[in-house]
Amino acid sequence: MHRHPALRPLSRGHQPLLVHARDLRWRATYLERGDSHLEPDAFALFRTYAEEHLEPHLRAEELHLLPRLAEFDDDDLLRALGDDIDARVALRSVVAEVTDETPRGLRRLGDALEAHARGCERGLFPIAERVLEESALTALHVAIDAYQI
């Protein structure tokens, strides 16, 4: 997928989310089957990642991308923004709630991570590329680089 350079740092931030989502789901399956020795570090690795990288990633989107999009009156964009806000709330909620390694909790984490990443990549980012002028995208790129996610 070819992403505008301004959105590439945010887009690259979704790759680890998808990897963690996959690993957490695998771990859930292994626990259900009694194969607890497989993917034993998935939950711990995610927790470390979440503490160090997840919130800065979300904040970068909230501080620099979403305000630039909020000024547009575009039905597709408004729908995508609503979906994105719902996904963010759900993700933060699940990250806070799931504190131990259960198959259900691991699947909830995986689903929430994927929902955020896919929602941005398939909904929000393509619309942002369509509605934002090049000058706004350039300013976004500068702001995200300075934020150092």
C-alpha atoms as a PDB file:
ATOM      1  CA  MET A   1       0.000   0.000   0.000  1.00  0.00           C
ATOM      2  CA  HIS A   2       1.372   3.365  -1.018  1.00  0.00           C
ATOM      3  CA  ARG A   3       0.852   5.831   1.773  1.00  0.00           C
ATOM      4  CA  HIS A   4       1.573   9.558   1.645  1.00  0.00           C
ATOM      5  CA  PRO A   5       4.931  10.229   3.352  1.00  0.00           C
ATOM      6  CA  ALA A   6       3.147  12.248   6.074  1.00  0.00           C
ATOM      7  CA  LEU A   7       1.171   9.181   7.142  1.00  0.00           C
ATOM      8  CA  ARG A   8       3.941   6.599   6.815  1.00  0.00           C
ATOM      9  CA  PRO A   9       5.242   6.893  10.405  1.00  0.00           C
ATOM     10  CA  LEU A  10       1.718   6.328  11.725  1.00  0.00           C
ATOM     11  CA  SER A  11       1.130   3.553   9.228  1.00  0.00           C
ATOM     12  CA  ARG A  12       4.399   1.832  10.192  1.00  0.00           C
ATOM     13  CA  GLY A  13       3.218   2.003  13.794  1.00  0.00           C
ATOM     14  CA  HIS A  14       0.333  -0.282  12.884  1.00  0.00           C
ATOM     15  CA  GLN A  15       2.581  -3.148  11.792  1.00  0.00           C
ATOM     16  CA  PRO A  16       3.653  -4.092  15.338  1.00  0.00           C
ATOM     17  CA  LEU A  17       0.020  -3.823  16.440  1.00  0.00           C
ATOM     18  CA  LEU A  18      -0.962  -6.418  13.868  1.00  0.00           C
ATOM     19  CA  VAL A  19       1.933  -8.686  14.833  1.00  0.00           C
ATOM     20  CA  HIS A  20       0.955  -8.499  18.506  1.00  0.00           C
ATOM     21  CA  ALA A  21      -2.702  -9.124  17.590  1.00  0.00           C
ATOM     22  CA  ARG A  22      -1.714 -12.284  15.729  1.00  0.00           C
ATOM     23  CA  ASP A  23       0.596 -13.505  18.484  1.00  0.00           C
ATOM     24  CA  LEU A  24      -1.985 -12.885  21.210  1.00  0.00           C
ATOM     25  CA  ARG A  25      -4.613 -14.833  19.283  1.00  0.00           C
ATOM     26  CA  TRP A  26      -2.197 -17.708  18.713  1.00  0.00           C
ATOM     27  CA  ARG A  27      -1.391 -17.735  22.411  1.00  0.00           C
ATOM     28  CA  ALA A  28      -5.119 -17.871  23.222  1.00  0.00           C
ATOM     29  CA  THR A  29      -5.548 -20.865  20.930  1.00  0.00           C
ATOM     30  CA  TYR A  30      -2.546 -22.630  22.428  1.00  0.00           C
ATOM     31  CA  LEU A  31      -3.844 -22.080  25.957  1.00  0.00           C
ATOM     32  CA  GLU A  32      -7.231 -23.474  24.984  1.00  0.00           C
ATOM     33  CA  ARG A  33      -5.579 -26.578  23.547  1.00  0.00           C
ATOM     34  CA  GLY A  34      -3.371 -27.056  26.584  1.00  0.00           C
ATOM     35  CA  ASP A  35      -0.223 -26.123  24.688  1.00  0.00           C
ATOM     36  CA  SER A  36       0.825 -23.477  27.184  1.00  0.00           C
ATOM     37  CA  HIS A  37       4.484 -23.863  26.225  1.00  0.00           C
ATOM     38  CA  LEU A  38       3.813 -22.297  22.778  1.00  0.00           C
ATOM     39  CA  GLU A  39       4.143 -18.517  22.381  1.00  0.00           C
ATOM     40  CA  PRO A  40       4.760 -18.202  26.138  1.00  0.00           C
ATOM     41  CA  ASP A  41       5.930 -14.593  25.976  1.00  0.00           C
ATOM     42  CA  ALA A  42       3.185 -13.115  23.779  1.00  0.00           C
ATOM     43  CA  PHE A  43       1.285 -11.423  26.612  1.00  0.00           C
ATOM     44  CA  ALA A  44       4.399 -10.123  28.384  1.00  0.00           C
ATOM     45  CA  LEU A  45       5.857  -8.810  25.123  1.00  0.00           C
ATOM     46  CA  PHE A  46       2.613  -7.031  24.338  1.00  0.00           C
ATOM     47  CA  ARG A  47       2.436  -5.448  27.802  1.00  0.00           C
ATOM     48  CA  THR A  48       5.972  -4.113  27.405  1.00  0.00           C
ATOM     49  CA  TYR A  49       5.161  -2.822  23.930  1.00  0.00           C
ATOM     50  CA  ALA A  50       1.947  -1.203  25.155  1.00  0.00           C
ATOM     51  CA  GLU A  51       3.712   0.592  28.005  1.00  0.00           C
ATOM     52  CA  GLU A  52       6.462   1.941  25.776  1.00  0.00           C
ATOM     53  CA  HIS A  53       4.891   2.474  22.358  1.00  0.00           C
ATOM     54  CA  LEU A  54       1.125   2.113  22.141  1.00  0.00           C
ATOM     55  CA  GLU A  55       0.064   5.260  23.958  1.00  0.00           C
ATOM     56  CA  PRO A  56       2.629   7.485  22.163  1.00  0.00           C
ATOM     57  CA  HIS A  57       1.367   6.109  18.841  1.00  0.00           C
ATOM     58  CA  LEU A  58      -2.256   6.835  19.721  1.00  0.00           C
ATOM     59  CA  ARG A  59      -1.386  10.276  21.067  1.00  0.00           C
ATOM     60  CA  ALA A  60       0.518  11.190  17.895  1.00  0.00           C
ATOM     61  CA  GLU A  61      -2.581  10.409  15.851  1.00  0.00           C
ATOM     62  CA  GLU A  62      -4.817  12.301  18.278  1.00  0.00           C
ATOM     63  CA  LEU A  63      -2.584  15.367  18.556  1.00  0.00           C
ATOM     64  CA  HIS A  64      -1.545  15.741  14.942  1.00  0.00           C
ATOM     65  CA  LEU A  65      -3.851  13.911  12.538  1.00  0.00           C
ATOM     66  CA  LEU A  66      -7.338  14.010  14.031  1.00  0.00           C
ATOM     67  CA  PRO A  67      -7.468  17.792  14.643  1.00  0.00           C
ATOM     68  CA  ARG A  68      -6.514  18.402  11.009  1.00  0.00           C
ATOM     69  CA  LEU A  69      -9.390  16.189   9.879  1.00  0.00           C
ATOM     70  CA  ALA A  70     -12.006  17.535  12.285  1.00  0.00           C
ATOM     71  CA  GLU A  71     -12.565  20.695  10.238  1.00  0.00           C
ATOM     72  CA  PHE A  72     -13.891  18.879   7.160  1.00  0.00           C
ATOM     73  CA  ASP A  73     -17.567  18.274   6.513  1.00  0.00           C
ATOM     74  CA  ASP A  74     -17.311  14.994   4.618  1.00  0.00           C
ATOM     75  CA  ASP A  75     -19.754  12.172   5.368  1.00  0.00           C
ATOM     76  CA  ASP A  76     -17.196   9.415   4.776  1.00  0.00           C
ATOM     77  CA  LEU A  77     -14.680  11.215   6.947  1.00  0.00           C
ATOM     78  CA  LEU A  78     -17.151  11.833   9.754  1.00  0.00           C
ATOM     79  CA  ARG A  79     -18.117   8.154   9.716  1.00  0.00           C
ATOM     80  CA  ALA A  80     -14.436   7.108   9.705  1.00  0.00           C
ATOM     81  CA  LEU A  81     -13.662   9.501  12.574  1.00  0.00           C
ATOM     82  CA  GLY A  82     -16.540   8.079  14.602  1.00  0.00           C
ATOM     83  CA  ASP A  83     -15.347   4.526  13.938  1.00  0.00           C
ATOM     84  CA  ASP A  84     -11.806   5.534  14.843  1.00  0.00           C
ATOM     85  CA  ILE A  85     -12.872   7.085  18.145  1.00  0.00           C
ATOM     86  CA  ASP A  86     -14.883   3.972  18.994  1.00  0.00           C
ATOM     87  CA  ALA A  87     -11.876   1.758  18.180  1.00  0.00           C
ATOM     88  CA  ARG A  88      -9.546   3.915  20.332  1.00  0.00           C
ATOM     89  CA  VAL A  89     -11.891   3.843  23.297  1.00  0.00           C
ATOM     90  CA  ALA A  90     -12.306   0.073  22.965  1.00  0.00           C
ATOM     91  CA  LEU A  91      -8.561  -0.475  22.614  1.00  0.00           C
ATOM     92  CA  ARG A  92      -7.647   1.582  25.656  1.00  0.00           C
ATOM     93  CA  SER A  93     -10.416  -0.065  27.650  1.00  0.00           C
ATOM     94  CA  VAL A  94      -9.320  -3.598  26.770  1.00  0.00           C
ATOM     95  CA  VAL A  95      -5.653  -2.808  27.442  1.00  0.00           C
ATOM     96  CA  ALA A  96      -6.625  -1.530  30.899  1.00  0.00           C
ATOM     97  CA  GLU A  97      -9.014  -4.409  31.662  1.00  0.00           C
ATOM     98  CA  VAL A  98      -6.972  -7.386  30.505  1.00  0.00           C
ATOM     99  CA  THR A  99      -4.355  -7.834  33.194  1.00  0.00           C
ATOM    100  CA  ASP A 100      -3.923 -11.572  33.143  1.00  0.00           C
ATOM    101  CA  GLU A 101      -3.441 -14.169  30.468  1.00  0.00           C
ATOM    102  CA  THR A 102      -6.753 -15.807  29.615  1.00  0.00           C
ATOM    103  CA  PRO A 103      -7.810 -16.940  26.148  1.00  0.00           C
ATOM    104  CA  ARG A 104     -10.786 -14.572  26.165  1.00  0.00           C
ATOM    105  CA  GLY A 105      -8.668 -11.611  27.252  1.00  0.00           C
ATOM    106  CA  LEU A 106      -5.944 -12.361  24.728  1.00  0.00           C
ATOM    107  CA  ARG A 107      -8.507 -12.544  21.924  1.00  0.00           C
ATOM    108  CA  ARG A 108     -10.095  -9.267  23.043  1.00  0.00           C
ATOM    109  CA  LEU A 109      -6.682  -7.592  22.947  1.00  0.00           C
ATOM    110  CA  GLY A 110      -5.927  -9.019  19.521  1.00  0.00           C
ATOM    111  CA  ASP A 111      -9.297  -7.931  18.153  1.00  0.00           C
ATOM    112  CA  ALA A 112      -8.951  -4.404  19.543  1.00  0.00           C
ATOM    113  CA  LEU A 113      -5.423  -3.983  18.176  1.00  0.00           C
ATOM    114  CA  GLU A 114      -6.486  -5.151  14.747  1.00  0.00           C
ATOM    115  CA  ALA A 115      -9.626  -2.998  14.741  1.00  0.00           C
ATOM    116  CA  HIS A 116      -7.565   0.132  15.372  1.00  0.00           C
ATOM    117  CA  ALA A 117      -4.890  -0.661  12.793  1.00  0.00           C
ATOM    118  CA  ARG A 118      -7.284  -1.800  10.059  1.00  0.00           C
ATOM    119  CA  GLY A 119      -9.659   1.081  10.723  1.00  0.00           C
ATOM    120  CA  CYS A 120      -6.896   3.610  10.195  1.00  0.00           C
ATOM    121  CA  GLU A 121      -5.380   1.877   7.195  1.00  0.00           C
ATOM    122  CA  ARG A 122      -8.617   1.101   5.379  1.00  0.00           C
ATOM    123  CA  GLY A 123     -10.789   4.002   6.483  1.00  0.00           C
ATOM    124  CA  LEU A 124      -9.181   7.032   8.043  1.00  0.00           C
ATOM    125  CA  PHE A 125      -5.860   7.289   6.189  1.00  0.00           C
ATOM    126  CA  PRO A 126      -7.217   7.002   2.625  1.00  0.00           C
ATOM    127  CA  ILE A 127      -9.774   9.686   3.417  1.00  0.00           C
ATOM    128  CA  ALA A 128      -7.095  11.887   5.005  1.00  0.00           C
ATOM    129  CA  GLU A 129      -5.026  11.562   1.840  1.00  0.00           C
ATOM    130  CA  ARG A 130      -8.069  12.632  -0.176  1.00  0.00           C
ATOM    131  CA  VAL A 131      -9.226  15.636   1.866  1.00  0.00           C
ATOM    132  CA  LEU A 132      -5.991  17.133   3.188  1.00  0.00           C
ATOM    133  CA  GLU A 133      -4.134  19.506   0.913  1.00  0.00           C
ATOM    134  CA  GLU A 134      -0.451  18.918   0.313  1.00  0.00           C
ATOM    135  CA  SER A 135       0.498  21.799   2.613  1.00  0.00           C
ATOM    136  CA  ALA A 136      -1.527  20.240   5.456  1.00  0.00           C
ATOM    137  CA  LEU A 137       0.074  16.847   4.820  1.00  0.00           C
ATOM    138  CA  THR A 138       3.524  18.453   4.856  1.00  0.00           C
ATOM    139  CA  ALA A 139       2.738  20.187   8.170  1.00  0.00           C
ATOM    140  CA  LEU A 140       1.478  16.865   9.519  1.00  0.00           C
ATOM    141  CA  HIS A 141       4.716  15.171   8.473  1.00  0.00           C
ATOM    142  CA  VAL A 142       6.798  17.829  10.240  1.00  0.00           C
ATOM    143  CA  ALA A 143       4.681  17.571  13.402  1.00  0.00           C
ATOM    144  CA  ILE A 144       4.858  13.778  13.548  1.00  0.00           C
ATOM    145  CA  ASP A 145       8.620  13.788  12.944  1.00  0.00           C
ATOM    146  CA  ALA A 146       9.026  16.254  15.812  1.00  0.00           C
ATOM    147  CA  TYR A 147       6.844  14.107  18.045  1.00  0.00           C
ATOM    148  CA  GLN A 148       9.218  11.157  17.465  1.00  0.00           C
ATOM    149  CA  ILE A 149       6.924   8.192  17.676  1.00  0.00           C
END
